[in-house]
Structures are given as C-alpha cells and as structure tokens.
Amino acid sequence: KTKPRNESQTAAKARCQEARSSGLALLQPLHLDDREAALRATGRRTLRDPEDDHYISPLNCLVRSQIEIFRAAEDHPKAQFVAQVGLRCVNCATACAADPTGLTRAAAGAEKFPQCRDNLGAAIRNWHRTHVVHCPHRPADVIPVYD
C-alpha cells in the first residue's frame, strides 16, 4: 500500500475509506481497469491514476476515467492554436475512431480546451454536468452511476 505524503493526504485517504465502507465503492465499474489498460496500450491517457483510489471518492475516480487528455491536430476546429492540450470524452473519442464511415459524431460538449491549468477543475466539473450524463457512448456499466 502507498503511504500518504502529508496530513491532508492522510485525511483524504480516511474520507475515501469511510465512503467505501458506507457502500459508495459500489459506484466503481467492474472492468474499469481493463478499459484503462486498453487505452494506455494504444498511447491514449485518461486523467485517472491508480493512486486516485486512495485519495478521492469512487465517483471522482469514475469521472477521471471518462476524461482523456489529447493534443489538438492542426485542423481542429475548436482549438485556439496547434497542439493545444484538451480534454475529451474517452467514450465519444473511441466511438468516432472506430467508425470507418466517419458518420459517428461525438455528443455535444465532448471536448473542452481550458484556457489555462487553473481552469482545469472548472472545465472538468462543467464537462461532467453537461456531457457525461447525456453521452450516448457511455458503457452500459457506467450508465447507472450517473442516472
């Protein structure tokens, strides 16, 4: 097990253990780690970190697992400059990439380009409220958690 680095991490770890003991751990999908490993094998990366399980709530772990970090291509319509780093729905990105016809579209609000790193928290909260609950590409085991 990982040791907390300071008192605030110790307190966060205690809150997470309390949440798990009260039944909130049931929010975590069963095959989340399999999906995460499959993404990483293709060079893609979500915001979820294995250490998150010790410090944040199961719902926040789930939200982080649904957000992918990416670098915008030169012709990306929403990016303000080439190679701007953005956040996007991992499920929409996977569905669009898997469609050889190019007809599958990401749902509204699937991508965000925060102006600076200080805005990341707000961007994630907004993305969670506006996109995740309406995403048509969510895996079946994730749907009940948000509904």
N, C-alpha and C. Protein backbone atom coordinates (compact mmCIF):
# COMPACT_ATOMS: atom_id res chain seq x y z
N LYS A 1 0.84 -1.19 0.00
CA LYS A 1 0.00 0.00 0.00
C LYS A 1 0.87 1.25 0.00
N THR A 2 0.35 2.29 -0.59
CA THR A 2 1.06 3.55 -0.67
C THR A 2 0.85 4.35 0.60
N LYS A 3 1.94 4.94 1.09
CA LYS A 3 1.86 5.78 2.28
C LYS A 3 1.53 7.20 1.88
N PRO A 4 0.60 7.86 2.59
CA PRO A 4 0.31 9.27 2.29
C PRO A 4 1.54 10.13 2.56
N ARG A 5 1.70 11.20 1.76
CA ARG A 5 2.87 12.05 1.89
C ARG A 5 2.70 13.16 2.92
N ASN A 6 1.48 13.50 3.27
CA ASN A 6 1.28 14.56 4.27
C ASN A 6 -0.06 14.38 4.97
N GLU A 7 -0.36 15.29 5.90
CA GLU A 7 -1.58 15.15 6.70
C GLU A 7 -2.85 15.30 5.86
N SER A 8 -2.84 16.17 4.86
CA SER A 8 -4.06 16.33 4.06
C SER A 8 -4.34 15.07 3.25
N GLN A 9 -3.28 14.39 2.79
CA GLN A 9 -3.49 13.14 2.08
C GLN A 9 -3.99 12.05 3.03
N THR A 10 -3.52 12.08 4.27
CA THR A 10 -4.00 11.13 5.27
C THR A 10 -5.49 11.34 5.50
N ALA A 11 -5.91 12.59 5.61
CA ALA A 11 -7.33 12.90 5.81
C ALA A 11 -8.16 12.49 4.60
N ALA A 12 -7.64 12.74 3.40
CA ALA A 12 -8.35 12.36 2.18
C ALA A 12 -8.50 10.85 2.09
N LYS A 13 -7.44 10.14 2.45
CA LYS A 13 -7.49 8.68 2.42
C LYS A 13 -8.53 8.16 3.41
N ALA A 14 -8.61 8.77 4.58
CA ALA A 14 -9.60 8.37 5.59
C ALA A 14 -11.02 8.61 5.08
N ARG A 15 -11.26 9.74 4.40
CA ARG A 15 -12.59 10.02 3.84
C ARG A 15 -12.98 9.00 2.78
N CYS A 16 -12.02 8.61 1.95
CA CYS A 16 -12.30 7.63 0.90
C CYS A 16 -12.60 6.26 1.51
N GLN A 17 -11.84 5.88 2.53
CA GLN A 17 -12.10 4.60 3.19
C GLN A 17 -13.47 4.61 3.83
N GLU A 18 -13.87 5.74 4.41
CA GLU A 18 -15.19 5.87 5.02
C GLU A 18 -16.28 5.76 3.95
N ALA A 19 -16.06 6.39 2.80
CA ALA A 19 -17.03 6.32 1.70
C ALA A 19 -17.18 4.89 1.21
N ARG A 20 -16.07 4.19 1.08
CA ARG A 20 -16.14 2.80 0.62
C ARG A 20 -16.89 1.92 1.62
N SER A 21 -16.65 2.13 2.90
CA SER A 21 -17.31 1.31 3.91
C SER A 21 -18.81 1.61 3.98
N SER A 22 -19.22 2.80 3.53
CA SER A 22 -20.64 3.13 3.54
C SER A 22 -21.35 2.68 2.27
N GLY A 23 -20.65 2.02 1.37
CA GLY A 23 -21.29 1.48 0.17
C GLY A 23 -21.03 2.26 -1.09
N LEU A 24 -20.36 3.40 -1.03
CA LEU A 24 -20.10 4.18 -2.24
C LEU A 24 -19.14 3.47 -3.19
N ALA A 25 -18.39 2.51 -2.69
CA ALA A 25 -17.45 1.78 -3.55
C ALA A 25 -18.19 1.02 -4.64
N LEU A 26 -19.48 0.78 -4.46
CA LEU A 26 -20.25 0.07 -5.47
C LEU A 26 -20.41 0.88 -6.75
N LEU A 27 -20.09 2.17 -6.69
CA LEU A 27 -20.18 3.01 -7.88
C LEU A 27 -19.12 2.68 -8.91
N GLN A 28 -18.03 2.08 -8.50
CA GLN A 28 -16.92 1.81 -9.40
C GLN A 28 -17.28 0.67 -10.35
N PRO A 29 -17.21 0.86 -11.68
CA PRO A 29 -17.50 -0.21 -12.61
C PRO A 29 -16.51 -1.37 -12.45
N LEU A 30 -16.98 -2.55 -12.79
CA LEU A 30 -16.17 -3.75 -12.57
C LEU A 30 -14.95 -3.83 -13.47
N HIS A 31 -15.06 -3.38 -14.72
CA HIS A 31 -13.97 -3.57 -15.68
C HIS A 31 -13.26 -2.27 -16.04
N LEU A 32 -13.30 -1.32 -15.16
CA LEU A 32 -12.69 -0.02 -15.41
C LEU A 32 -11.19 -0.16 -15.69
N ASP A 33 -10.50 -0.98 -14.93
CA ASP A 33 -9.07 -1.14 -15.12
C ASP A 33 -8.74 -1.78 -16.46
N ASP A 34 -9.59 -2.68 -16.95
CA ASP A 34 -9.37 -3.30 -18.26
C ASP A 34 -9.47 -2.26 -19.37
N ARG A 35 -10.46 -1.39 -19.28
CA ARG A 35 -10.61 -0.33 -20.29
C ARG A 35 -9.43 0.63 -20.23
N GLU A 36 -9.02 0.98 -19.02
CA GLU A 36 -7.88 1.89 -18.86
C GLU A 36 -6.62 1.29 -19.46
N ALA A 37 -6.38 0.02 -19.21
CA ALA A 37 -5.20 -0.66 -19.75
C ALA A 37 -5.25 -0.71 -21.28
N ALA A 38 -6.42 -0.94 -21.84
CA ALA A 38 -6.57 -0.99 -23.30
C ALA A 38 -6.27 0.37 -23.91
N LEU A 39 -6.73 1.46 -23.27
CA LEU A 39 -6.44 2.80 -23.77
C LEU A 39 -4.95 3.09 -23.73
N ARG A 40 -4.34 2.79 -22.60
CA ARG A 40 -2.90 3.07 -22.46
C ARG A 40 -2.06 2.28 -23.46
N ALA A 41 -2.54 1.08 -23.82
CA ALA A 41 -1.81 0.27 -24.80
C ALA A 41 -1.80 0.93 -26.17
N THR A 42 -2.79 1.78 -26.44
CA THR A 42 -2.84 2.49 -27.72
C THR A 42 -2.22 3.88 -27.64
N GLY A 43 -1.63 4.21 -26.50
CA GLY A 43 -0.98 5.51 -26.34
C GLY A 43 -1.90 6.60 -25.85
N ARG A 44 -3.14 6.28 -25.55
CA ARG A 44 -4.09 7.27 -25.03
C ARG A 44 -4.01 7.28 -23.51
N ARG A 45 -4.39 8.41 -22.91
CA ARG A 45 -4.26 8.55 -21.46
C ARG A 45 -5.45 9.31 -20.87
N THR A 46 -6.05 8.73 -19.83
CA THR A 46 -7.12 9.42 -19.13
C THR A 46 -6.53 10.15 -17.93
N LEU A 47 -7.39 10.91 -17.24
CA LEU A 47 -6.94 11.62 -16.04
C LEU A 47 -6.83 10.70 -14.83
N ARG A 48 -7.35 9.48 -14.94
CA ARG A 48 -7.35 8.57 -13.79
C ARG A 48 -5.94 8.05 -13.53
N ASP A 49 -5.60 7.99 -12.25
CA ASP A 49 -4.32 7.46 -11.81
C ASP A 49 -4.62 6.36 -10.79
N PRO A 50 -3.84 5.28 -10.78
CA PRO A 50 -4.09 4.21 -9.80
C PRO A 50 -4.10 4.70 -8.35
N GLU A 51 -3.36 5.75 -8.06
CA GLU A 51 -3.31 6.29 -6.71
C GLU A 51 -4.61 6.99 -6.31
N ASP A 52 -5.43 7.37 -7.29
CA ASP A 52 -6.69 8.06 -7.00
C ASP A 52 -7.57 7.27 -6.04
N ASP A 53 -7.54 5.95 -6.16
CA ASP A 53 -8.39 5.11 -5.31
C ASP A 53 -8.15 5.35 -3.83
N HIS A 54 -6.95 5.81 -3.50
CA HIS A 54 -6.60 6.04 -2.09
C HIS A 54 -7.00 7.43 -1.60
N TYR A 55 -7.21 8.37 -2.51
CA TYR A 55 -7.35 9.76 -2.09
C TYR A 55 -8.64 10.47 -2.50
N ILE A 56 -9.34 9.97 -3.50
CA ILE A 56 -10.58 10.64 -3.91
C ILE A 56 -11.73 9.64 -3.93
N SER A 57 -12.93 10.16 -4.02
CA SER A 57 -14.13 9.32 -3.95
C SER A 57 -14.24 8.41 -5.18
N PRO A 58 -14.98 7.32 -5.05
CA PRO A 58 -15.18 6.42 -6.19
C PRO A 58 -15.84 7.13 -7.38
N LEU A 59 -16.77 8.06 -7.12
CA LEU A 59 -17.40 8.77 -8.22
C LEU A 59 -16.38 9.65 -8.95
N ASN A 60 -15.52 10.34 -8.22
CA ASN A 60 -14.49 11.16 -8.87
C ASN A 60 -13.49 10.29 -9.62
N CYS A 61 -13.18 9.10 -9.12
CA CYS A 61 -12.33 8.16 -9.86
C CYS A 61 -12.98 7.81 -11.19
N LEU A 62 -14.28 7.56 -11.14
CA LEU A 62 -15.01 7.22 -12.35
C LEU A 62 -15.01 8.37 -13.34
N VAL A 63 -15.27 9.58 -12.87
CA VAL A 63 -15.26 10.75 -13.75
C VAL A 63 -13.90 10.90 -14.41
N ARG A 64 -12.83 10.78 -13.64
CA ARG A 64 -11.48 10.90 -14.21
C ARG A 64 -11.19 9.82 -15.25
N SER A 65 -11.79 8.66 -15.09
CA SER A 65 -11.56 7.58 -16.06
C SER A 65 -12.28 7.83 -17.37
N GLN A 66 -13.24 8.75 -17.38
CA GLN A 66 -14.01 9.05 -18.59
C GLN A 66 -13.44 10.23 -19.37
N ILE A 67 -12.38 10.86 -18.86
CA ILE A 67 -11.79 12.04 -19.50
C ILE A 67 -10.41 11.69 -20.04
N GLU A 68 -10.23 11.97 -21.30
CA GLU A 68 -8.95 11.69 -21.97
C GLU A 68 -8.23 13.01 -22.25
N ILE A 69 -6.93 12.99 -22.06
CA ILE A 69 -6.08 14.14 -22.39
C ILE A 69 -5.63 13.95 -23.85
N PHE A 70 -5.71 15.01 -24.64
CA PHE A 70 -5.26 14.89 -26.03
C PHE A 70 -4.68 16.20 -26.51
N ARG A 71 -3.94 16.12 -27.59
CA ARG A 71 -3.33 17.30 -28.21
C ARG A 71 -4.04 17.52 -29.55
N ALA A 72 -4.55 18.73 -29.74
CA ALA A 72 -5.33 19.04 -30.94
C ALA A 72 -4.47 18.98 -32.20
N ALA A 73 -5.06 18.46 -33.25
CA ALA A 73 -4.40 18.43 -34.56
C ALA A 73 -4.44 19.82 -35.17
N GLU A 74 -3.67 20.01 -36.22
CA GLU A 74 -3.56 21.32 -36.85
C GLU A 74 -4.90 21.86 -37.34
N ASP A 75 -5.77 20.95 -37.80
CA ASP A 75 -7.04 21.40 -38.37
C ASP A 75 -8.22 21.28 -37.39
N HIS A 76 -7.94 21.16 -36.11
CA HIS A 76 -9.03 21.01 -35.14
C HIS A 76 -9.81 22.31 -35.04
N PRO A 77 -11.15 22.25 -35.24
CA PRO A 77 -11.94 23.49 -35.29
C PRO A 77 -12.10 24.23 -33.96
N LYS A 78 -11.98 23.53 -32.84
CA LYS A 78 -12.20 24.17 -31.54
C LYS A 78 -10.92 24.67 -30.87
N ALA A 79 -9.78 24.17 -31.30
CA ALA A 79 -8.52 24.57 -30.68
C ALA A 79 -8.15 25.99 -31.09
N GLN A 80 -7.57 26.74 -30.15
CA GLN A 80 -7.17 28.11 -30.45
C GLN A 80 -5.79 28.16 -31.10
N PHE A 81 -5.00 27.10 -30.93
CA PHE A 81 -3.70 27.04 -31.58
C PHE A 81 -3.31 25.57 -31.77
N VAL A 82 -2.37 25.33 -32.66
CA VAL A 82 -1.93 23.99 -32.99
C VAL A 82 -1.32 23.33 -31.75
N ALA A 83 -1.68 22.09 -31.54
CA ALA A 83 -1.17 21.27 -30.44
C ALA A 83 -1.67 21.71 -29.07
N GLN A 84 -2.76 22.48 -29.05
CA GLN A 84 -3.35 22.85 -27.76
C GLN A 84 -3.82 21.59 -27.05
N VAL A 85 -3.57 21.50 -25.75
CA VAL A 85 -3.97 20.34 -24.97
C VAL A 85 -5.43 20.52 -24.57
N GLY A 86 -6.20 19.45 -24.76
CA GLY A 86 -7.61 19.49 -24.42
C GLY A 86 -8.04 18.26 -23.64
N LEU A 87 -9.27 18.30 -23.20
CA LEU A 87 -9.89 17.17 -22.50
C LEU A 87 -11.07 16.72 -23.35
N ARG A 88 -11.27 15.41 -23.44
CA ARG A 88 -12.42 14.93 -24.21
C ARG A 88 -12.96 13.64 -23.61
N CYS A 89 -14.18 13.34 -23.97
CA CYS A 89 -14.84 12.13 -23.52
C CYS A 89 -14.18 10.93 -24.19
N VAL A 90 -13.68 10.03 -23.38
CA VAL A 90 -12.99 8.86 -23.90
C VAL A 90 -13.95 7.97 -24.68
N ASN A 91 -15.22 7.93 -24.29
CA ASN A 91 -16.20 7.08 -24.97
C ASN A 91 -16.57 7.64 -26.34
N CYS A 92 -16.76 8.95 -26.44
CA CYS A 92 -17.05 9.57 -27.74
C CYS A 92 -15.85 9.43 -28.68
N ALA A 93 -14.65 9.65 -28.16
CA ALA A 93 -13.45 9.55 -28.99
C ALA A 93 -13.28 8.13 -29.52
N THR A 94 -13.53 7.14 -28.68
CA THR A 94 -13.40 5.74 -29.10
C THR A 94 -14.45 5.39 -30.15
N ALA A 95 -15.69 5.82 -29.93
CA ALA A 95 -16.77 5.52 -30.88
C ALA A 95 -16.51 6.16 -32.24
N CYS A 96 -16.05 7.40 -32.25
CA CYS A 96 -15.78 8.10 -33.51
C CYS A 96 -14.61 7.46 -34.25
N ALA A 97 -13.56 7.09 -33.52
CA ALA A 97 -12.39 6.48 -34.15
C ALA A 97 -12.70 5.09 -34.71
N ALA A 98 -13.65 4.39 -34.10
CA ALA A 98 -13.97 3.02 -34.52
C ALA A 98 -14.91 2.97 -35.71
N ASP A 99 -15.48 4.09 -36.11
CA ASP A 99 -16.44 4.12 -37.22
C ASP A 99 -15.72 4.42 -38.53
N PRO A 100 -15.56 3.41 -39.39
CA PRO A 100 -14.84 3.63 -40.65
C PRO A 100 -15.60 4.55 -41.62
N THR A 101 -16.91 4.70 -41.43
CA THR A 101 -17.69 5.56 -42.32
C THR A 101 -17.54 7.04 -41.97
N GLY A 102 -17.12 7.32 -40.73
CA GLY A 102 -16.99 8.70 -40.29
C GLY A 102 -18.31 9.36 -39.95
N LEU A 103 -19.38 8.57 -39.86
CA LEU A 103 -20.70 9.13 -39.58
C LEU A 103 -20.96 9.32 -38.09
N THR A 104 -20.25 8.58 -37.24
CA THR A 104 -20.45 8.72 -35.80
C THR A 104 -19.86 10.05 -35.35
N ARG A 105 -20.65 10.79 -34.60
CA ARG A 105 -20.23 12.09 -34.10
C ARG A 105 -20.20 12.07 -32.58
N ALA A 106 -19.29 12.83 -32.02
CA ALA A 106 -19.24 12.98 -30.57
C ALA A 106 -20.45 13.80 -30.13
N ALA A 107 -20.95 13.49 -28.96
CA ALA A 107 -22.08 14.24 -28.42
C ALA A 107 -21.64 15.65 -28.06
N ALA A 108 -22.59 16.54 -27.92
CA ALA A 108 -22.31 17.94 -27.59
C ALA A 108 -21.47 18.04 -26.32
N GLY A 109 -20.48 18.91 -26.35
CA GLY A 109 -19.66 19.15 -25.17
C GLY A 109 -18.62 18.08 -24.89
N ALA A 110 -18.35 17.20 -25.85
CA ALA A 110 -17.42 16.09 -25.62
C ALA A 110 -15.98 16.57 -25.46
N GLU A 111 -15.65 17.72 -26.02
CA GLU A 111 -14.28 18.24 -25.94
C GLU A 111 -14.25 19.61 -25.27
N LYS A 112 -13.23 19.81 -24.47
CA LYS A 112 -13.03 21.10 -23.80
C LYS A 112 -11.57 21.50 -23.96
N PHE A 113 -11.34 22.78 -24.14
CA PHE A 113 -9.99 23.33 -24.20
C PHE A 113 -9.86 24.41 -23.14
N PRO A 114 -9.49 24.04 -21.92
CA PRO A 114 -9.32 25.05 -20.86
C PRO A 114 -8.26 26.08 -21.26
N GLN A 115 -8.49 27.32 -20.91
CA GLN A 115 -7.57 28.40 -21.28
C GLN A 115 -6.24 28.31 -20.53
N CYS A 116 -6.28 27.82 -19.30
CA CYS A 116 -5.06 27.65 -18.52
C CYS A 116 -5.27 26.53 -17.51
N ARG A 117 -4.21 26.08 -16.91
CA ARG A 117 -4.35 24.94 -16.00
C ARG A 117 -5.15 25.29 -14.75
N ASP A 118 -5.24 26.57 -14.41
CA ASP A 118 -6.07 26.98 -13.27
C ASP A 118 -7.55 26.72 -13.52
N ASN A 119 -7.93 26.59 -14.79
CA ASN A 119 -9.33 26.36 -15.16
C ASN A 119 -9.67 24.88 -15.31
N LEU A 120 -8.73 23.99 -15.08
CA LEU A 120 -8.98 22.56 -15.28
C LEU A 120 -10.11 22.04 -14.41
N GLY A 121 -10.11 22.39 -13.14
CA GLY A 121 -11.15 21.90 -12.24
C GLY A 121 -12.54 22.32 -12.70
N ALA A 122 -12.67 23.59 -13.06
CA ALA A 122 -13.96 24.09 -13.54
C ALA A 122 -14.35 23.41 -14.85
N ALA A 123 -13.39 23.20 -15.74
CA ALA A 123 -13.68 22.55 -17.02
C ALA A 123 -14.18 21.12 -16.79
N ILE A 124 -13.57 20.42 -15.86
CA ILE A 124 -13.99 19.04 -15.58
C ILE A 124 -15.38 19.02 -14.95
N ARG A 125 -15.65 19.93 -14.01
CA ARG A 125 -16.99 19.99 -13.40
C ARG A 125 -18.06 20.31 -14.45
N ASN A 126 -17.78 21.27 -15.31
CA ASN A 126 -18.74 21.63 -16.36
C ASN A 126 -18.95 20.47 -17.33
N TRP A 127 -17.86 19.82 -17.71
CA TRP A 127 -17.93 18.69 -18.63
C TRP A 127 -18.77 17.57 -18.01
N HIS A 128 -18.58 17.32 -16.72
CA HIS A 128 -19.33 16.28 -16.03
C HIS A 128 -20.83 16.60 -16.04
N ARG A 129 -21.18 17.85 -15.76
CA ARG A 129 -22.59 18.25 -15.72
C ARG A 129 -23.23 18.28 -17.10
N THR A 130 -22.50 18.76 -18.10
CA THR A 130 -23.11 19.00 -19.41
C THR A 130 -22.96 17.85 -20.40
N HIS A 131 -21.92 17.05 -20.26
CA HIS A 131 -21.70 16.00 -21.26
C HIS A 131 -21.94 14.58 -20.74
N VAL A 132 -21.31 14.23 -19.66
CA VAL A 132 -21.31 12.83 -19.21
C VAL A 132 -22.71 12.27 -19.03
N VAL A 133 -23.59 13.02 -18.42
CA VAL A 133 -24.93 12.50 -18.15
C VAL A 133 -25.75 12.30 -19.43
N HIS A 134 -25.34 12.92 -20.53
CA HIS A 134 -26.07 12.80 -21.80
C HIS A 134 -25.30 12.02 -22.86
N CYS A 135 -24.12 11.53 -22.56
CA CYS A 135 -23.28 10.89 -23.57
C CYS A 135 -23.91 9.59 -24.07
N PRO A 136 -24.17 9.50 -25.38
CA PRO A 136 -24.78 8.28 -25.92
C PRO A 136 -23.80 7.11 -26.04
N HIS A 137 -22.51 7.37 -25.82
CA HIS A 137 -21.50 6.34 -25.99
C HIS A 137 -21.01 5.74 -24.67
N ARG A 138 -21.63 6.10 -23.54
CA ARG A 138 -21.21 5.56 -22.24
C ARG A 138 -21.37 4.05 -22.22
N PRO A 139 -20.41 3.34 -21.62
CA PRO A 139 -20.56 1.90 -21.46
C PRO A 139 -21.75 1.57 -20.55
N ALA A 140 -22.35 0.43 -20.76
CA ALA A 140 -23.55 0.04 -20.01
C ALA A 140 -23.32 0.00 -18.51
N ASP A 141 -22.11 -0.36 -18.07
CA ASP A 141 -21.88 -0.44 -16.62
C ASP A 141 -21.64 0.92 -15.99
N VAL A 142 -21.50 1.96 -16.79
CA VAL A 142 -21.30 3.30 -16.26
C VAL A 142 -22.62 4.08 -16.20
N ILE A 143 -23.57 3.75 -17.04
CA ILE A 143 -24.83 4.47 -17.12
C ILE A 143 -25.56 4.57 -15.78
N PRO A 144 -25.74 3.47 -15.03
CA PRO A 144 -26.48 3.59 -13.76
C PRO A 144 -25.82 4.51 -12.74
N VAL A 145 -24.53 4.68 -12.81
CA VAL A 145 -23.82 5.52 -11.85
C VAL A 145 -24.24 6.99 -12.01
N TYR A 146 -24.45 7.43 -13.25
CA TYR A 146 -24.80 8.82 -13.50
C TYR A 146 -26.29 9.07 -13.52
N ASP A 147 -27.09 8.06 -13.74
CA ASP A 147 -28.55 8.24 -13.85
C ASP A 147 -29.25 8.23 -12.51
